Amino acid sequence: MTVNALTYCVNRRVKGFADSTKAWQHFKEGGTADIILSCVDAFDVNGFHLMTRARQHNPKLVFIAMSGVKDHEQKAREQGADGFLGKPFEIHDLFDIVQRYVVEGPGKKIVPIDV
C-alpha cells in the first residue's frame, strides 16, 4: 500500500523492497535513491544499520525511520535519521513527509521498505 500511495502522491519512480536485505542489495549493485523510508524493527538488517550502510554510498541520503516502538523515535534522532513515522500512522502523515522531502525537494526518489 505504501508504494502505491507514494507513486500516486509524488508521480515519480518509487521502488519497494520486501525486506532490508533486498534494499541493501540494491545499493551494493549500484542502485541509488535520494530518500529511504524504512522500518527500523526489521529482523534481517535493521533500518538503522541500513541507514548507515546506504549513507556510505550517498551521504546526502534522506532517511525516514518507521517504527511501532515509541522509544525508537529518540533513537532515530540520535542515529541521524531525518524524520520518523510512528506506526501505525495516518496516510496524511506519510504525505506530510513526502511534501517536505520530495515535493519541496525536486528530483527526489523514494525507496520505501515494505513493513
N, C-alpha and C. Protein backbone atom coordinates (compact mmCIF):
# COMPACT_ATOMS: atom_id res chain seq x y z
N MET A 1 0.81 -1.18 0.00
CA MET A 1 0.00 0.00 0.00
C MET A 1 0.87 1.26 0.00
N THR A 2 1.96 1.25 0.75
CA THR A 2 2.82 2.43 0.83
C THR A 2 3.37 2.80 -0.54
N VAL A 3 3.85 1.81 -1.29
CA VAL A 3 4.39 2.08 -2.62
C VAL A 3 3.32 2.66 -3.52
N ASN A 4 2.13 2.08 -3.51
CA ASN A 4 1.03 2.60 -4.35
C ASN A 4 0.66 4.02 -3.96
N ALA A 5 0.54 4.28 -2.68
CA ALA A 5 0.18 5.62 -2.22
C ALA A 5 1.23 6.64 -2.63
N LEU A 6 2.49 6.28 -2.47
CA LEU A 6 3.55 7.22 -2.81
C LEU A 6 3.66 7.44 -4.31
N THR A 7 3.49 6.39 -5.08
CA THR A 7 3.54 6.53 -6.54
C THR A 7 2.47 7.51 -7.00
N TYR A 8 1.29 7.37 -6.46
CA TYR A 8 0.19 8.27 -6.81
C TYR A 8 0.45 9.69 -6.33
N CYS A 9 0.99 9.80 -5.13
CA CYS A 9 1.19 11.10 -4.50
C CYS A 9 2.28 11.92 -5.17
N VAL A 10 3.40 11.30 -5.50
CA VAL A 10 4.56 12.07 -5.97
C VAL A 10 4.74 12.03 -7.48
N ASN A 11 4.05 11.10 -8.15
CA ASN A 11 4.19 10.98 -9.60
C ASN A 11 5.67 10.86 -9.99
N ARG A 12 6.39 10.05 -9.24
CA ARG A 12 7.80 9.77 -9.51
C ARG A 12 8.04 8.29 -9.33
N ARG A 13 9.20 7.85 -9.71
CA ARG A 13 9.57 6.44 -9.55
C ARG A 13 9.69 6.11 -8.06
N VAL A 14 8.98 5.08 -7.64
CA VAL A 14 9.02 4.61 -6.26
C VAL A 14 9.33 3.11 -6.32
N LYS A 15 10.32 2.70 -5.59
CA LYS A 15 10.71 1.29 -5.58
C LYS A 15 10.53 0.73 -4.19
N GLY A 16 9.92 -0.42 -4.08
CA GLY A 16 9.70 -1.06 -2.79
C GLY A 16 10.46 -2.37 -2.70
N PHE A 17 10.85 -2.73 -1.51
CA PHE A 17 11.56 -3.98 -1.27
C PHE A 17 10.84 -4.74 -0.16
N ALA A 18 10.88 -6.07 -0.24
CA ALA A 18 10.22 -6.91 0.75
C ALA A 18 10.92 -6.86 2.11
N ASP A 19 12.22 -6.58 2.10
CA ASP A 19 12.96 -6.52 3.35
C ASP A 19 14.23 -5.69 3.18
N SER A 20 14.89 -5.41 4.29
CA SER A 20 16.08 -4.55 4.29
C SER A 20 17.24 -5.17 3.56
N THR A 21 17.34 -6.49 3.59
CA THR A 21 18.44 -7.16 2.88
C THR A 21 18.34 -6.89 1.39
N LYS A 22 17.13 -6.96 0.85
CA LYS A 22 16.95 -6.69 -0.58
C LYS A 22 17.23 -5.21 -0.90
N ALA A 23 16.87 -4.34 0.01
CA ALA A 23 17.17 -2.91 -0.19
C ALA A 23 18.68 -2.69 -0.20
N TRP A 24 19.37 -3.32 0.75
CA TRP A 24 20.83 -3.18 0.80
C TRP A 24 21.46 -3.74 -0.46
N GLN A 25 20.94 -4.85 -0.97
CA GLN A 25 21.45 -5.44 -2.21
C GLN A 25 21.32 -4.44 -3.36
N HIS A 26 20.24 -3.69 -3.37
CA HIS A 26 20.02 -2.64 -4.38
C HIS A 26 21.20 -1.66 -4.39
N PHE A 27 21.64 -1.23 -3.22
CA PHE A 27 22.77 -0.30 -3.14
C PHE A 27 24.09 -0.97 -3.50
N LYS A 28 24.27 -2.21 -3.05
CA LYS A 28 25.51 -2.93 -3.35
C LYS A 28 25.69 -3.12 -4.85
N GLU A 29 24.58 -3.24 -5.57
CA GLU A 29 24.63 -3.44 -7.01
C GLU A 29 24.64 -2.12 -7.78
N GLY A 30 24.86 -1.02 -7.08
CA GLY A 30 24.98 0.28 -7.74
C GLY A 30 23.70 1.07 -7.81
N GLY A 31 22.62 0.56 -7.23
CA GLY A 31 21.36 1.30 -7.22
C GLY A 31 21.47 2.55 -6.35
N THR A 32 20.63 3.50 -6.62
CA THR A 32 20.66 4.75 -5.86
C THR A 32 19.26 5.11 -5.38
N ALA A 33 19.23 6.05 -4.50
CA ALA A 33 17.98 6.63 -4.02
C ALA A 33 18.33 7.95 -3.35
N ASP A 34 17.39 8.81 -3.25
CA ASP A 34 17.57 10.06 -2.53
C ASP A 34 16.93 9.99 -1.15
N ILE A 35 15.88 9.16 -1.05
CA ILE A 35 15.15 9.03 0.21
C ILE A 35 14.83 7.56 0.45
N ILE A 36 14.99 7.14 1.69
CA ILE A 36 14.57 5.80 2.10
C ILE A 36 13.60 5.94 3.26
N LEU A 37 12.48 5.23 3.17
CA LEU A 37 11.58 5.05 4.30
C LEU A 37 11.76 3.60 4.72
N SER A 38 12.15 3.38 5.96
CA SER A 38 12.43 2.02 6.39
C SER A 38 11.96 1.78 7.81
N CYS A 39 11.42 0.58 8.02
CA CYS A 39 11.07 0.15 9.36
C CYS A 39 12.38 -0.19 10.08
N VAL A 40 12.58 0.37 11.24
CA VAL A 40 13.83 0.11 11.97
C VAL A 40 13.73 -1.16 12.81
N ASP A 41 12.57 -1.80 12.81
CA ASP A 41 12.37 -3.03 13.57
C ASP A 41 12.61 -4.27 12.74
N ALA A 42 13.19 -4.14 11.55
CA ALA A 42 13.39 -5.27 10.66
C ALA A 42 14.28 -6.34 11.30
N PHE A 43 14.03 -7.58 10.95
CA PHE A 43 14.76 -8.68 11.55
C PHE A 43 16.09 -8.97 10.85
N ASP A 44 16.16 -8.76 9.55
CA ASP A 44 17.36 -9.12 8.81
C ASP A 44 18.45 -8.05 8.95
N VAL A 45 18.24 -6.91 8.39
CA VAL A 45 19.14 -5.76 8.54
C VAL A 45 18.25 -4.65 9.10
N ASN A 46 18.46 -4.26 10.37
CA ASN A 46 17.54 -3.26 10.91
C ASN A 46 17.73 -1.93 10.18
N GLY A 47 16.72 -1.11 10.25
CA GLY A 47 16.72 0.14 9.50
C GLY A 47 17.87 1.06 9.83
N PHE A 48 18.31 1.07 11.08
CA PHE A 48 19.44 1.93 11.44
C PHE A 48 20.72 1.47 10.75
N HIS A 49 20.90 0.16 10.69
CA HIS A 49 22.07 -0.39 10.00
C HIS A 49 21.98 -0.09 8.50
N LEU A 50 20.79 -0.23 7.94
CA LEU A 50 20.59 0.09 6.53
C LEU A 50 20.92 1.56 6.27
N MET A 51 20.48 2.43 7.15
CA MET A 51 20.75 3.86 7.00
C MET A 51 22.26 4.12 6.96
N THR A 52 22.99 3.52 7.89
CA THR A 52 24.44 3.71 7.95
C THR A 52 25.10 3.21 6.68
N ARG A 53 24.73 2.01 6.25
CA ARG A 53 25.33 1.43 5.04
C ARG A 53 25.00 2.26 3.80
N ALA A 54 23.73 2.63 3.65
CA ALA A 54 23.30 3.37 2.45
C ALA A 54 23.96 4.74 2.40
N ARG A 55 24.13 5.37 3.54
CA ARG A 55 24.76 6.70 3.55
C ARG A 55 26.25 6.63 3.24
N GLN A 56 26.86 5.47 3.35
CA GLN A 56 28.24 5.31 2.90
C GLN A 56 28.31 5.49 1.39
N HIS A 57 27.24 5.11 0.70
CA HIS A 57 27.16 5.27 -0.75
C HIS A 57 26.67 6.66 -1.15
N ASN A 58 25.83 7.24 -0.31
CA ASN A 58 25.26 8.56 -0.60
C ASN A 58 25.07 9.32 0.71
N PRO A 59 26.08 10.11 1.11
CA PRO A 59 25.99 10.83 2.38
C PRO A 59 24.82 11.80 2.48
N LYS A 60 24.27 12.24 1.37
CA LYS A 60 23.15 13.19 1.38
C LYS A 60 21.79 12.48 1.43
N LEU A 61 21.79 11.17 1.52
CA LEU A 61 20.58 10.39 1.54
C LEU A 61 19.68 10.82 2.69
N VAL A 62 18.40 11.04 2.39
CA VAL A 62 17.41 11.35 3.42
C VAL A 62 16.85 10.02 3.91
N PHE A 63 16.82 9.85 5.23
CA PHE A 63 16.35 8.60 5.81
C PHE A 63 15.19 8.89 6.76
N ILE A 64 14.06 8.25 6.50
CA ILE A 64 12.89 8.37 7.36
C ILE A 64 12.69 7.02 8.04
N ALA A 65 12.80 7.01 9.36
CA ALA A 65 12.62 5.79 10.14
C ALA A 65 11.15 5.59 10.47
N MET A 66 10.72 4.34 10.47
CA MET A 66 9.36 4.00 10.87
C MET A 66 9.45 2.93 11.95
N SER A 67 8.60 3.02 12.95
CA SER A 67 8.59 2.01 14.00
C SER A 67 7.30 2.09 14.80
N GLY A 68 6.92 0.96 15.35
CA GLY A 68 5.80 0.91 16.27
C GLY A 68 6.25 1.02 17.71
N VAL A 69 7.57 1.15 17.91
CA VAL A 69 8.14 1.26 19.26
C VAL A 69 8.41 2.74 19.54
N LYS A 70 7.70 3.30 20.49
CA LYS A 70 7.79 4.74 20.80
C LYS A 70 9.22 5.18 21.07
N ASP A 71 10.00 4.37 21.80
CA ASP A 71 11.38 4.74 22.14
C ASP A 71 12.28 4.86 20.92
N HIS A 72 11.87 4.29 19.81
CA HIS A 72 12.71 4.35 18.62
C HIS A 72 12.74 5.74 17.98
N GLU A 73 11.78 6.59 18.34
CA GLU A 73 11.81 7.96 17.81
C GLU A 73 13.06 8.69 18.31
N GLN A 74 13.34 8.59 19.58
CA GLN A 74 14.54 9.22 20.14
C GLN A 74 15.80 8.58 19.56
N LYS A 75 15.80 7.26 19.45
CA LYS A 75 16.96 6.56 18.88
C LYS A 75 17.18 6.98 17.43
N ALA A 76 16.10 7.18 16.69
CA ALA A 76 16.20 7.61 15.30
C ALA A 76 16.89 8.97 15.22
N ARG A 77 16.52 9.88 16.11
CA ARG A 77 17.17 11.20 16.13
C ARG A 77 18.66 11.06 16.46
N GLU A 78 18.96 10.23 17.46
CA GLU A 78 20.35 10.03 17.88
C GLU A 78 21.18 9.38 16.77
N GLN A 79 20.58 8.51 16.00
CA GLN A 79 21.29 7.80 14.93
C GLN A 79 21.42 8.67 13.67
N GLY A 80 20.70 9.79 13.62
CA GLY A 80 20.83 10.70 12.48
C GLY A 80 19.74 10.60 11.43
N ALA A 81 18.62 9.95 11.76
CA ALA A 81 17.51 9.89 10.81
C ALA A 81 16.95 11.30 10.60
N ASP A 82 16.48 11.56 9.41
CA ASP A 82 15.93 12.88 9.09
C ASP A 82 14.50 13.05 9.57
N GLY A 83 13.78 11.95 9.71
CA GLY A 83 12.40 12.01 10.14
C GLY A 83 11.98 10.70 10.75
N PHE A 84 10.78 10.67 11.32
CA PHE A 84 10.27 9.48 11.98
C PHE A 84 8.77 9.40 11.78
N LEU A 85 8.29 8.19 11.45
CA LEU A 85 6.87 7.91 11.37
C LEU A 85 6.56 6.82 12.37
N GLY A 86 5.74 7.14 13.37
CA GLY A 86 5.32 6.13 14.33
C GLY A 86 4.21 5.28 13.74
N LYS A 87 4.33 3.97 13.88
CA LYS A 87 3.31 3.06 13.36
C LYS A 87 2.35 2.69 14.49
N PRO A 88 1.10 2.59 14.19
CA PRO A 88 0.51 2.86 12.88
C PRO A 88 0.43 4.36 12.63
N PHE A 89 0.54 4.75 11.39
CA PHE A 89 0.46 6.17 11.05
C PHE A 89 -0.67 6.40 10.08
N GLU A 90 -1.13 7.62 10.04
CA GLU A 90 -2.19 8.01 9.11
C GLU A 90 -1.55 8.34 7.76
N ILE A 91 -2.29 8.12 6.70
CA ILE A 91 -1.76 8.38 5.37
C ILE A 91 -1.34 9.84 5.21
N HIS A 92 -2.02 10.77 5.87
CA HIS A 92 -1.63 12.18 5.76
C HIS A 92 -0.26 12.42 6.40
N ASP A 93 0.13 11.60 7.40
CA ASP A 93 1.47 11.72 7.98
C ASP A 93 2.52 11.36 6.95
N LEU A 94 2.26 10.30 6.19
CA LEU A 94 3.16 9.90 5.12
C LEU A 94 3.24 10.99 4.07
N PHE A 95 2.10 11.54 3.69
CA PHE A 95 2.09 12.59 2.68
C PHE A 95 2.79 13.86 3.17
N ASP A 96 2.72 14.16 4.45
CA ASP A 96 3.45 15.31 5.01
C ASP A 96 4.95 15.12 4.84
N ILE A 97 5.43 13.90 5.10
CA ILE A 97 6.87 13.59 4.91
C ILE A 97 7.23 13.75 3.44
N VAL A 98 6.37 13.24 2.56
CA VAL A 98 6.60 13.36 1.12
C VAL A 98 6.66 14.82 0.71
N GLN A 99 5.73 15.61 1.20
CA GLN A 99 5.71 17.04 0.88
C GLN A 99 7.03 17.69 1.27
N ARG A 100 7.51 17.38 2.44
CA ARG A 100 8.72 18.02 2.96
C ARG A 100 9.97 17.60 2.20
N TYR A 101 10.11 16.30 1.93
CA TYR A 101 11.36 15.80 1.37
C TYR A 101 11.33 15.54 -0.13
N VAL A 102 10.17 15.42 -0.74
CA VAL A 102 10.10 15.12 -2.17
C VAL A 102 9.55 16.28 -2.96
N VAL A 103 8.34 16.69 -2.65
CA VAL A 103 7.70 17.75 -3.44
C VAL A 103 8.49 19.04 -3.33
N GLU A 104 8.94 19.38 -2.14
CA GLU A 104 9.71 20.61 -1.95
C GLU A 104 11.18 20.44 -2.31
N GLY A 105 11.60 19.20 -2.56
CA GLY A 105 12.96 18.90 -2.99
C GLY A 105 12.91 18.22 -4.34
N PRO A 106 12.87 18.98 -5.43
CA PRO A 106 12.66 18.41 -6.77
C PRO A 106 13.69 17.34 -7.15
N GLY A 107 13.22 16.36 -7.90
CA GLY A 107 14.10 15.33 -8.42
C GLY A 107 14.35 14.18 -7.45
N LYS A 108 13.66 14.14 -6.35
CA LYS A 108 13.88 13.09 -5.36
C LYS A 108 13.12 11.82 -5.74
N LYS A 109 13.68 10.69 -5.30
CA LYS A 109 13.01 9.40 -5.42
C LYS A 109 12.80 8.88 -4.00
N ILE A 110 11.87 7.98 -3.82
CA ILE A 110 11.63 7.38 -2.52
C ILE A 110 11.83 5.88 -2.64
N VAL A 111 12.51 5.31 -1.69
CA VAL A 111 12.65 3.86 -1.64
C VAL A 111 12.07 3.38 -0.32
N PRO A 112 10.77 3.05 -0.31
CA PRO A 112 10.22 2.57 0.95
C PRO A 112 10.51 1.08 1.13
N ILE A 113 10.66 0.66 2.34
CA ILE A 113 10.83 -0.74 2.66
C ILE A 113 9.47 -1.23 3.13
N ASP A 114 8.94 -2.25 2.49
CA ASP A 114 7.63 -2.76 2.87
C ASP A 114 7.67 -3.23 4.31
N VAL A 115 6.68 -2.83 5.10
CA VAL A 115 6.63 -3.18 6.51
C VAL A 115 5.53 -4.19 6.78
